[in-house]
């Protein structure tokens, strides 16, 4: 009996050893620097985000968004291409849809209706992207979000063995990346951020296979009335990237499509403020 028990214990220990990673820990800053130098040209994306506003009684539950499907970078020449199943939910109400970008047009299917942005507006956006030159890869910008990094262990994300890295969120670069959306919202100044940013960087390919953000936002007092009384928000977002660098097939959906303006007019009729 004792011999059998000993054999079982040895077998369990052996299985545990087989399941452990053989990768040696690498300094987290080096891993992040290397990942920043490897732009993601294509991938399978799984993204989830949750936004809980503070100070808005009618939005007492988080706003949730999700997306899943292939992605191909626009390489600084046009908007990216993607074919995503998307979902959104708020106040116990959920909706799903299909969002496709070919780089030349954008299509949205929701509630059984099909809409398109149109080649004209997308061409104007692509002209602006090309006129802005070749911006730094997104990965390089994300690198600036990390404060003093630390290793949290090893894991598997997007089908790849990777080093889990965490750091305090560096708010100044992050608000810089968000200046475009902030201007679109009409805010007088950027919100303040504090929180944690995480990544899982592949041992073999040195690319990001997961990015996660857990942050508290505080809106400037002079802008809170414009935001419906919101004083701030809690943002929790995660993106997992699989099949990085592999070919992705994206094609325009079939069927007839109405102008996206029809959807915007419908939302306005429902009382939603659409600029």
C-alpha atoms as a PDB file:
ATOM      1  CA  UNK A   1       0.000   0.000   0.000  1.00  0.00           C
ATOM      2  CA  UNK A   2       2.757   2.411   0.970  1.00  0.00           C
ATOM      3  CA  UNK A   3       4.645   1.542  -2.205  1.00  0.00           C
ATOM      4  CA  UNK A   4       1.546   2.248  -4.305  1.00  0.00           C
ATOM      5  CA  UNK A   5       1.062   5.583  -2.578  1.00  0.00           C
ATOM      6  CA  UNK A   6       4.672   6.519  -3.197  1.00  0.00           C
ATOM      7  CA  UNK A   7       4.348   5.629  -6.881  1.00  0.00           C
ATOM      8  CA  UNK A   8       1.209   7.783  -7.144  1.00  0.00           C
ATOM      9  CA  UNK A   9       2.934  10.728  -5.507  1.00  0.00           C
ATOM     10  CA  UNK A  10       5.907  10.416  -7.875  1.00  0.00           C
ATOM     11  CA  UNK A  11       3.545  10.253 -10.856  1.00  0.00           C
ATOM     12  CA  UNK A  12       1.638  13.346  -9.702  1.00  0.00           C
ATOM     13  CA  UNK A  13       4.895  15.238  -9.199  1.00  0.00           C
ATOM     14  CA  UNK A  14       6.047  14.157 -12.657  1.00  0.00           C
ATOM     15  CA  UNK A  15       2.818  15.351 -14.248  1.00  0.00           C
ATOM     16  CA  UNK A  16       3.108  18.688 -12.463  1.00  0.00           C
ATOM     17  CA  UNK A  17       6.652  19.030 -13.742  1.00  0.00           C
ATOM     18  CA  UNK A  18       5.553  18.234 -17.286  1.00  0.00           C
ATOM     19  CA  UNK A  19       2.911  20.941 -17.085  1.00  0.00           C
ATOM     20  CA  UNK A  20       5.289  23.669 -15.990  1.00  0.00           C
ATOM     21  CA  UNK A  21       6.897  26.114 -18.375  1.00  0.00           C
ATOM     22  CA  UNK A  22      10.498  25.590 -19.492  1.00  0.00           C
ATOM     23  CA  UNK A  23      10.967  29.289 -20.263  1.00  0.00           C
ATOM     24  CA  UNK A  24      13.429  31.241 -18.181  1.00  0.00           C
ATOM     25  CA  UNK A  25      12.128  34.528 -16.739  1.00  0.00           C
ATOM     26  CA  UNK A  26      13.190  37.560 -18.778  1.00  0.00           C
ATOM     27  CA  UNK A  27      13.347  41.134 -17.428  1.00  0.00           C
ATOM     28  CA  UNK A  28       9.908  42.657 -18.018  1.00  0.00           C
ATOM     29  CA  UNK A  29      11.200  45.917 -19.485  1.00  0.00           C
ATOM     30  CA  UNK A  30      13.154  43.998 -22.103  1.00  0.00           C
ATOM     31  CA  UNK A  31      10.098  41.946 -23.003  1.00  0.00           C
ATOM     32  CA  UNK A  32       7.977  45.083 -23.380  1.00  0.00           C
ATOM     33  CA  UNK A  33      10.627  46.814 -25.492  1.00  0.00           C
ATOM     34  CA  UNK A  34      10.860  43.829 -27.819  1.00  0.00           C
ATOM     35  CA  UNK A  35       7.085  43.556 -28.147  1.00  0.00           C
ATOM     36  CA  UNK A  36       6.909  47.270 -28.970  1.00  0.00           C
ATOM     37  CA  UNK A  37       9.269  46.625 -31.874  1.00  0.00           C
ATOM     38  CA  UNK A  38       7.034  43.912 -33.359  1.00  0.00           C
ATOM     39  CA  UNK A  39       3.922  45.547 -34.822  1.00  0.00           C
ATOM     40  CA  UNK A  40       0.879  43.306 -35.141  1.00  0.00           C
ATOM     41  CA  UNK A  41      -0.015  43.108 -38.826  1.00  0.00           C
ATOM     42  CA  UNK A  42      -2.795  40.549 -38.416  1.00  0.00           C
ATOM     43  CA  UNK A  43      -4.446  38.505 -35.682  1.00  0.00           C
ATOM     44  CA  UNK A  44      -7.590  36.925 -34.347  1.00  0.00           C
ATOM     45  CA  UNK A  45      -8.992  39.363 -31.772  1.00  0.00           C
ATOM     46  CA  UNK A  46     -11.077  38.754 -28.662  1.00  0.00           C
ATOM     47  CA  UNK A  47     -11.884  41.995 -26.859  1.00  0.00           C
ATOM     48  CA  UNK A  48     -14.058  42.838 -23.875  1.00  0.00           C
ATOM     49  CA  UNK A  49     -14.575  46.175 -22.142  1.00  0.00           C
ATOM     50  CA  UNK A  50     -16.659  47.348 -19.217  1.00  0.00           C
ATOM     51  CA  UNK A  51     -17.263  51.004 -18.345  1.00  0.00           C
ATOM     52  CA  UNK A  52     -18.972  51.962 -15.085  1.00  0.00           C
ATOM     53  CA  UNK A  53     -19.822  55.656 -14.878  1.00  0.00           C
ATOM     54  CA  UNK A  54     -19.805  57.367 -11.476  1.00  0.00           C
ATOM     55  CA  UNK A  55     -22.397  59.980 -10.616  1.00  0.00           C
ATOM     56  CA  UNK A  56     -25.042  59.014 -13.197  1.00  0.00           C
ATOM     57  CA  UNK A  57     -27.917  57.361 -11.365  1.00  0.00           C
ATOM     58  CA  UNK A  58     -29.690  56.072 -14.460  1.00  0.00           C
ATOM     59  CA  UNK A  59     -26.514  54.204 -15.482  1.00  0.00           C
ATOM     60  CA  UNK A  60     -26.074  52.220 -12.306  1.00  0.00           C
ATOM     61  CA  UNK A  61     -24.779  49.124 -14.134  1.00  0.00           C
ATOM     62  CA  UNK A  62     -21.702  48.896 -16.367  1.00  0.00           C
ATOM     63  CA  UNK A  63     -21.781  49.475 -20.101  1.00  0.00           C
ATOM     64  CA  UNK A  64     -20.283  46.365 -21.706  1.00  0.00           C
ATOM     65  CA  UNK A  65     -18.770  45.930 -25.159  1.00  0.00           C
ATOM     66  CA  UNK A  66     -17.298  42.903 -26.896  1.00  0.00           C
ATOM     67  CA  UNK A  67     -15.757  42.036 -30.257  1.00  0.00           C
ATOM     68  CA  UNK A  68     -14.368  38.854 -31.780  1.00  0.00           C
ATOM     69  CA  UNK A  69     -12.899  38.057 -35.183  1.00  0.00           C
ATOM     70  CA  UNK A  70      -9.986  38.650 -37.583  1.00  0.00           C
ATOM     71  CA  UNK A  71      -7.985  41.872 -37.867  1.00  0.00           C
ATOM     72  CA  UNK A  72      -5.535  43.161 -40.492  1.00  0.00           C
ATOM     73  CA  UNK A  73      -3.556  46.376 -40.009  1.00  0.00           C
ATOM     74  CA  UNK A  74      -3.925  49.252 -42.434  1.00  0.00           C
ATOM     75  CA  UNK A  75      -0.129  49.716 -42.320  1.00  0.00           C
ATOM     76  CA  UNK A  76      -0.447  53.481 -41.982  1.00  0.00           C
ATOM     77  CA  UNK A  77      -2.153  53.691 -45.391  1.00  0.00           C
ATOM     78  CA  UNK A  78      -5.801  53.139 -44.502  1.00  0.00           C
ATOM     79  CA  UNK A  79      -8.126  52.146 -41.714  1.00  0.00           C
ATOM     80  CA  UNK A  80      -7.642  48.549 -40.522  1.00  0.00           C
ATOM     81  CA  UNK A  81      -9.688  45.683 -41.919  1.00  0.00           C
ATOM     82  CA  UNK A  82     -11.696  43.449 -39.595  1.00  0.00           C
ATOM     83  CA  UNK A  83     -14.691  41.142 -39.484  1.00  0.00           C
ATOM     84  CA  UNK A  84     -16.064  41.193 -35.953  1.00  0.00           C
ATOM     85  CA  UNK A  85     -19.061  39.855 -34.158  1.00  0.00           C
ATOM     86  CA  UNK A  86     -19.847  42.627 -31.709  1.00  0.00           C
ATOM     87  CA  UNK A  87     -22.026  42.887 -28.623  1.00  0.00           C
ATOM     88  CA  UNK A  88     -23.085  45.662 -26.289  1.00  0.00           C
ATOM     89  CA  UNK A  89     -25.127  45.824 -23.130  1.00  0.00           C
ATOM     90  CA  UNK A  90     -26.387  48.397 -20.625  1.00  0.00           C
ATOM     91  CA  UNK A  91     -29.194  48.554 -18.059  1.00  0.00           C
ATOM     92  CA  UNK A  92     -29.953  44.883 -18.571  1.00  0.00           C
ATOM     93  CA  UNK A  93     -30.460  45.396 -22.312  1.00  0.00           C
ATOM     94  CA  UNK A  94     -28.156  43.665 -24.773  1.00  0.00           C
ATOM     95  CA  UNK A  95     -27.659  43.782 -28.513  1.00  0.00           C
ATOM     96  CA  UNK A  96     -25.460  41.890 -30.950  1.00  0.00           C
ATOM     97  CA  UNK A  97     -24.302  42.744 -34.418  1.00  0.00           C
ATOM     98  CA  UNK A  98     -21.743  42.307 -37.167  1.00  0.00           C
ATOM     99  CA  UNK A  99     -19.113  44.972 -37.915  1.00  0.00           C
ATOM    100  CA  UNK A 100     -16.920  44.675 -41.010  1.00  0.00           C
ATOM    101  CA  UNK A 101     -14.218  46.930 -42.436  1.00  0.00           C
ATOM    102  CA  UNK A 102     -12.561  46.184 -45.764  1.00  0.00           C
ATOM    103  CA  UNK A 103     -10.299  49.225 -45.488  1.00  0.00           C
ATOM    104  CA  UNK A 104     -12.398  50.874 -48.198  1.00  0.00           C
ATOM    105  CA  UNK A 105     -15.838  50.704 -46.589  1.00  0.00           C
ATOM    106  CA  UNK A 106     -17.361  49.859 -43.204  1.00  0.00           C
ATOM    107  CA  UNK A 107     -20.522  47.797 -42.741  1.00  0.00           C
ATOM    108  CA  UNK A 108     -22.749  47.310 -39.713  1.00  0.00           C
ATOM    109  CA  UNK A 109     -25.576  44.785 -39.333  1.00  0.00           C
ATOM    110  CA  UNK A 110     -27.808  45.252 -36.288  1.00  0.00           C
ATOM    111  CA  UNK A 111     -31.419  44.358 -35.473  1.00  0.00           C
ATOM    112  CA  UNK A 112     -31.635  42.639 -38.844  1.00  0.00           C
ATOM    113  CA  UNK A 113     -30.856  45.885 -40.717  1.00  0.00           C
ATOM    114  CA  UNK A 114     -27.705  46.531 -42.749  1.00  0.00           C
ATOM    115  CA  UNK A 115     -25.856  49.852 -42.904  1.00  0.00           C
ATOM    116  CA  UNK A 116     -22.695  51.147 -44.553  1.00  0.00           C
ATOM    117  CA  UNK A 117     -20.508  54.174 -43.864  1.00  0.00           C
ATOM    118  CA  UNK A 118     -19.778  54.572 -47.593  1.00  0.00           C
ATOM    119  CA  UNK A 119     -16.595  54.612 -49.665  1.00  0.00           C
ATOM    120  CA  UNK A 120     -16.479  58.419 -49.746  1.00  0.00           C
ATOM    121  CA  UNK A 121     -16.132  59.022 -45.992  1.00  0.00           C
ATOM    122  CA  UNK A 122     -13.760  56.069 -45.648  1.00  0.00           C
ATOM    123  CA  UNK A 123     -11.609  57.370 -48.511  1.00  0.00           C
ATOM    124  CA  UNK A 124     -11.430  60.740 -46.737  1.00  0.00           C
ATOM    125  CA  UNK A 125     -10.327  58.973 -43.554  1.00  0.00           C
ATOM    126  CA  UNK A 126      -7.669  57.059 -45.487  1.00  0.00           C
ATOM    127  CA  UNK A 127      -6.401  60.272 -47.080  1.00  0.00           C
ATOM    128  CA  UNK A 128      -6.052  61.758 -43.613  1.00  0.00           C
ATOM    129  CA  UNK A 129      -4.154  58.680 -42.381  1.00  0.00           C
ATOM    130  CA  UNK A 130      -1.742  58.831 -45.321  1.00  0.00           C
ATOM    131  CA  UNK A 131      -1.357  62.595 -44.914  1.00  0.00           C
ATOM    132  CA  UNK A 132      -0.433  62.130 -41.272  1.00  0.00           C
ATOM    133  CA  UNK A 133       2.583  60.101 -42.362  1.00  0.00           C
ATOM    134  CA  UNK A 134       3.482  56.772 -40.860  1.00  0.00           C
ATOM    135  CA  UNK A 135       2.681  56.962 -37.161  1.00  0.00           C
ATOM    136  CA  UNK A 136       4.441  54.796 -34.655  1.00  0.00           C
ATOM    137  CA  UNK A 137       2.991  51.292 -34.344  1.00  0.00           C
ATOM    138  CA  UNK A 138       0.261  50.893 -31.768  1.00  0.00           C
ATOM    139  CA  UNK A 139       2.558  48.568 -29.856  1.00  0.00           C
ATOM    140  CA  UNK A 140       5.096  51.359 -29.333  1.00  0.00           C
ATOM    141  CA  UNK A 141       2.389  53.636 -27.949  1.00  0.00           C
ATOM    142  CA  UNK A 142       1.146  50.907 -25.622  1.00  0.00           C
ATOM    143  CA  UNK A 143       4.697  50.482 -24.330  1.00  0.00           C
ATOM    144  CA  UNK A 144       4.535  54.039 -23.010  1.00  0.00           C
ATOM    145  CA  UNK A 145       1.524  53.145 -20.856  1.00  0.00           C
ATOM    146  CA  UNK A 146       3.684  50.937 -18.595  1.00  0.00           C
ATOM    147  CA  UNK A 147       5.306  52.383 -15.517  1.00  0.00           C
ATOM    148  CA  UNK A 148       7.777  50.327 -13.509  1.00  0.00           C
ATOM    149  CA  UNK A 149       7.027  46.804 -14.729  1.00  0.00           C
ATOM    150  CA  UNK A 150       7.068  43.564 -12.765  1.00  0.00           C
ATOM    151  CA  UNK A 151       6.651  39.895 -13.690  1.00  0.00           C
ATOM    152  CA  UNK A 152       3.462  38.219 -12.502  1.00  0.00           C
ATOM    153  CA  UNK A 153       4.286  34.752 -13.794  1.00  0.00           C
ATOM    154  CA  UNK A 154       3.909  32.776 -16.981  1.00  0.00           C
ATOM    155  CA  UNK A 155       0.760  31.868 -18.879  1.00  0.00           C
ATOM    156  CA  UNK A 156      -0.823  31.046 -22.205  1.00  0.00           C
ATOM    157  CA  UNK A 157      -2.849  33.596 -24.172  1.00  0.00           C
ATOM    158  CA  UNK A 158      -3.926  33.479 -27.788  1.00  0.00           C
ATOM    159  CA  UNK A 159      -2.375  30.009 -28.083  1.00  0.00           C
ATOM    160  CA  UNK A 160       1.116  31.231 -27.131  1.00  0.00           C
ATOM    161  CA  UNK A 161       3.252  30.772 -24.013  1.00  0.00           C
ATOM    162  CA  UNK A 162       3.883  34.232 -22.651  1.00  0.00           C
ATOM    163  CA  UNK A 163       5.331  36.240 -19.782  1.00  0.00           C
ATOM    164  CA  UNK A 164       2.696  38.005 -17.680  1.00  0.00           C
ATOM    165  CA  UNK A 165       3.750  41.570 -16.934  1.00  0.00           C
ATOM    166  CA  UNK A 166       2.025  44.254 -14.852  1.00  0.00           C
ATOM    167  CA  UNK A 167       2.788  47.899 -14.130  1.00  0.00           C
ATOM    168  CA  UNK A 168       1.175  51.071 -12.805  1.00  0.00           C
ATOM    169  CA  UNK A 169      -0.561  52.952 -15.582  1.00  0.00           C
ATOM    170  CA  UNK A 170       1.424  55.952 -16.780  1.00  0.00           C
ATOM    171  CA  UNK A 171      -1.380  58.456 -17.221  1.00  0.00           C
ATOM    172  CA  UNK A 172       0.442  61.164 -19.184  1.00  0.00           C
ATOM    173  CA  UNK A 173       1.154  59.060 -22.314  1.00  0.00           C
ATOM    174  CA  UNK A 174      -2.306  57.498 -22.121  1.00  0.00           C
ATOM    175  CA  UNK A 175      -4.096  60.830 -22.099  1.00  0.00           C
ATOM    176  CA  UNK A 176      -1.883  61.875 -24.995  1.00  0.00           C
ATOM    177  CA  UNK A 177      -3.093  58.898 -27.026  1.00  0.00           C
ATOM    178  CA  UNK A 178      -6.671  59.864 -26.217  1.00  0.00           C
ATOM    179  CA  UNK A 179      -6.487  63.525 -27.154  1.00  0.00           C
ATOM    180  CA  UNK A 180      -8.404  62.922 -30.401  1.00  0.00           C
ATOM    181  CA  UNK A 181     -11.445  61.321 -28.721  1.00  0.00           C
ATOM    182  CA  UNK A 182     -11.256  63.843 -25.888  1.00  0.00           C
ATOM    183  CA  UNK A 183     -11.507  66.699 -28.383  1.00  0.00           C
ATOM    184  CA  UNK A 184     -14.450  64.981 -30.075  1.00  0.00           C
ATOM    185  CA  UNK A 185     -16.263  64.850 -26.735  1.00  0.00           C
ATOM    186  CA  UNK A 186     -15.710  68.557 -26.235  1.00  0.00           C
ATOM    187  CA  UNK A 187     -13.858  68.149 -22.933  1.00  0.00           C
ATOM    188  CA  UNK A 188     -11.873  71.130 -21.737  1.00  0.00           C
ATOM    189  CA  UNK A 189      -9.008  68.932 -20.535  1.00  0.00           C
ATOM    190  CA  UNK A 190      -8.169  65.216 -20.381  1.00  0.00           C
ATOM    191  CA  UNK A 191      -9.509  63.107 -17.514  1.00  0.00           C
ATOM    192  CA  UNK A 192      -7.010  61.935 -14.925  1.00  0.00           C
ATOM    193  CA  UNK A 193      -6.118  58.241 -14.815  1.00  0.00           C
ATOM    194  CA  UNK A 194      -4.811  55.830 -12.220  1.00  0.00           C
ATOM    195  CA  UNK A 195      -4.720  52.081 -12.393  1.00  0.00           C
ATOM    196  CA  UNK A 196      -2.853  49.038 -13.668  1.00  0.00           C
ATOM    197  CA  UNK A 197      -1.918  47.869 -17.146  1.00  0.00           C
ATOM    198  CA  UNK A 198      -1.031  44.260 -17.918  1.00  0.00           C
ATOM    199  CA  UNK A 199       0.389  42.351 -20.864  1.00  0.00           C
ATOM    200  CA  UNK A 200       1.319  38.828 -21.833  1.00  0.00           C
ATOM    201  CA  UNK A 201       4.317  38.854 -24.192  1.00  0.00           C
ATOM    202  CA  UNK A 202       5.149  35.709 -26.183  1.00  0.00           C
ATOM    203  CA  UNK A 203       8.401  33.995 -25.338  1.00  0.00           C
ATOM    204  CA  UNK A 204       8.952  32.809 -28.906  1.00  0.00           C
ATOM    205  CA  UNK A 205       7.665  35.697 -31.025  1.00  0.00           C
ATOM    206  CA  UNK A 206       8.111  38.600 -28.556  1.00  0.00           C
ATOM    207  CA  UNK A 207       4.722  40.097 -29.437  1.00  0.00           C
ATOM    208  CA  UNK A 208       1.732  41.104 -27.356  1.00  0.00           C
ATOM    209  CA  UNK A 209      -0.782  38.285 -26.956  1.00  0.00           C
ATOM    210  CA  UNK A 210      -2.832  40.000 -24.273  1.00  0.00           C
ATOM    211  CA  UNK A 211      -3.310  43.581 -23.119  1.00  0.00           C
ATOM    212  CA  UNK A 212      -5.483  44.515 -20.143  1.00  0.00           C
ATOM    213  CA  UNK A 213      -6.335  47.824 -18.514  1.00  0.00           C
ATOM    214  CA  UNK A 214      -7.939  48.394 -15.121  1.00  0.00           C
ATOM    215  CA  UNK A 215      -8.264  52.125 -14.537  1.00  0.00           C
ATOM    216  CA  UNK A 216     -10.171  54.793 -12.644  1.00  0.00           C
ATOM    217  CA  UNK A 217     -10.944  58.001 -14.541  1.00  0.00           C
ATOM    218  CA  UNK A 218     -11.846  61.359 -13.019  1.00  0.00           C
ATOM    219  CA  UNK A 219     -13.463  63.979 -15.261  1.00  0.00           C
ATOM    220  CA  UNK A 220     -12.667  67.705 -14.870  1.00  0.00           C
ATOM    221  CA  UNK A 221     -15.321  69.410 -12.674  1.00  0.00           C
ATOM    222  CA  UNK A 222     -16.058  71.970 -15.395  1.00  0.00           C
ATOM    223  CA  UNK A 223     -17.014  69.165 -17.811  1.00  0.00           C
ATOM    224  CA  UNK A 224     -19.162  67.034 -15.529  1.00  0.00           C
ATOM    225  CA  UNK A 225     -22.432  68.824 -16.357  1.00  0.00           C
ATOM    226  CA  UNK A 226     -21.763  68.288 -20.079  1.00  0.00           C
ATOM    227  CA  UNK A 227     -21.305  64.581 -19.339  1.00  0.00           C
ATOM    228  CA  UNK A 228     -24.678  64.220 -17.639  1.00  0.00           C
ATOM    229  CA  UNK A 229     -23.265  64.637 -14.140  1.00  0.00           C
ATOM    230  CA  UNK A 230     -20.636  61.917 -14.501  1.00  0.00           C
ATOM    231  CA  UNK A 231     -17.748  62.537 -12.110  1.00  0.00           C
ATOM    232  CA  UNK A 232     -15.620  59.701 -13.414  1.00  0.00           C
ATOM    233  CA  UNK A 233     -15.633  56.091 -14.478  1.00  0.00           C
ATOM    234  CA  UNK A 234     -14.052  52.713 -13.955  1.00  0.00           C
ATOM    235  CA  UNK A 235     -12.688  51.089 -17.121  1.00  0.00           C
ATOM    236  CA  UNK A 236     -11.847  47.398 -17.337  1.00  0.00           C
ATOM    237  CA  UNK A 237     -10.716  46.209 -20.779  1.00  0.00           C
ATOM    238  CA  UNK A 238      -8.936  43.127 -22.131  1.00  0.00           C
ATOM    239  CA  UNK A 239      -7.723  42.239 -25.628  1.00  0.00           C
ATOM    240  CA  UNK A 240      -6.417  38.758 -26.494  1.00  0.00           C
ATOM    241  CA  UNK A 241      -4.536  38.272 -29.786  1.00  0.00           C
ATOM    242  CA  UNK A 242      -4.226  34.849 -31.389  1.00  0.00           C
ATOM    243  CA  UNK A 243      -2.755  33.644 -34.705  1.00  0.00           C
ATOM    244  CA  UNK A 244      -0.568  36.751 -34.722  1.00  0.00           C
ATOM    245  CA  UNK A 245       0.963  37.319 -38.143  1.00  0.00           C
ATOM    246  CA  UNK A 246      -1.142  34.619 -39.810  1.00  0.00           C
ATOM    247  CA  UNK A 247      -3.191  35.427 -42.949  1.00  0.00           C
ATOM    248  CA  UNK A 248      -6.755  36.549 -42.201  1.00  0.00           C
ATOM    249  CA  UNK A 249      -9.597  36.448 -44.705  1.00  0.00           C
ATOM    250  CA  UNK A 250     -11.870  39.488 -44.738  1.00  0.00           C
ATOM    251  CA  UNK A 251     -14.385  40.234 -47.473  1.00  0.00           C
ATOM    252  CA  UNK A 252     -17.351  42.609 -47.781  1.00  0.00           C
ATOM    253  CA  UNK A 253     -20.668  41.156 -46.610  1.00  0.00           C
ATOM    254  CA  UNK A 254     -23.384  40.357 -49.089  1.00  0.00           C
ATOM    255  CA  UNK A 255     -26.724  42.087 -49.355  1.00  0.00           C
ATOM    256  CA  UNK A 256     -28.048  45.614 -49.669  1.00  0.00           C
ATOM    257  CA  UNK A 257     -26.987  48.321 -47.226  1.00  0.00           C
ATOM    258  CA  UNK A 258     -28.576  51.585 -46.169  1.00  0.00           C
ATOM    259  CA  UNK A 259     -26.540  54.710 -45.364  1.00  0.00           C
ATOM    260  CA  UNK A 260     -25.317  54.813 -41.773  1.00  0.00           C
ATOM    261  CA  UNK A 261     -27.080  58.173 -41.454  1.00  0.00           C
ATOM    262  CA  UNK A 262     -30.391  56.266 -41.371  1.00  0.00           C
ATOM    263  CA  UNK A 263     -29.286  54.538 -38.182  1.00  0.00           C
ATOM    264  CA  UNK A 264     -28.128  57.824 -36.645  1.00  0.00           C
ATOM    265  CA  UNK A 265     -31.504  59.422 -37.388  1.00  0.00           C
ATOM    266  CA  UNK A 266     -33.259  56.477 -35.739  1.00  0.00           C
ATOM    267  CA  UNK A 267     -31.115  56.865 -32.631  1.00  0.00           C
ATOM    268  CA  UNK A 268     -31.893  60.582 -32.518  1.00  0.00           C
ATOM    269  CA  UNK A 269     -35.608  59.788 -32.722  1.00  0.00           C
ATOM    270  CA  UNK A 270     -35.105  57.568 -29.663  1.00  0.00           C
ATOM    271  CA  UNK A 271     -33.710  60.568 -27.778  1.00  0.00           C
ATOM    272  CA  UNK A 272     -30.034  59.685 -27.935  1.00  0.00           C
ATOM    273  CA  UNK A 273     -27.722  62.702 -28.430  1.00  0.00           C
ATOM    274  CA  UNK A 274     -25.931  62.052 -31.729  1.00  0.00           C
ATOM    275  CA  UNK A 275     -23.517  64.798 -32.869  1.00  0.00           C
END
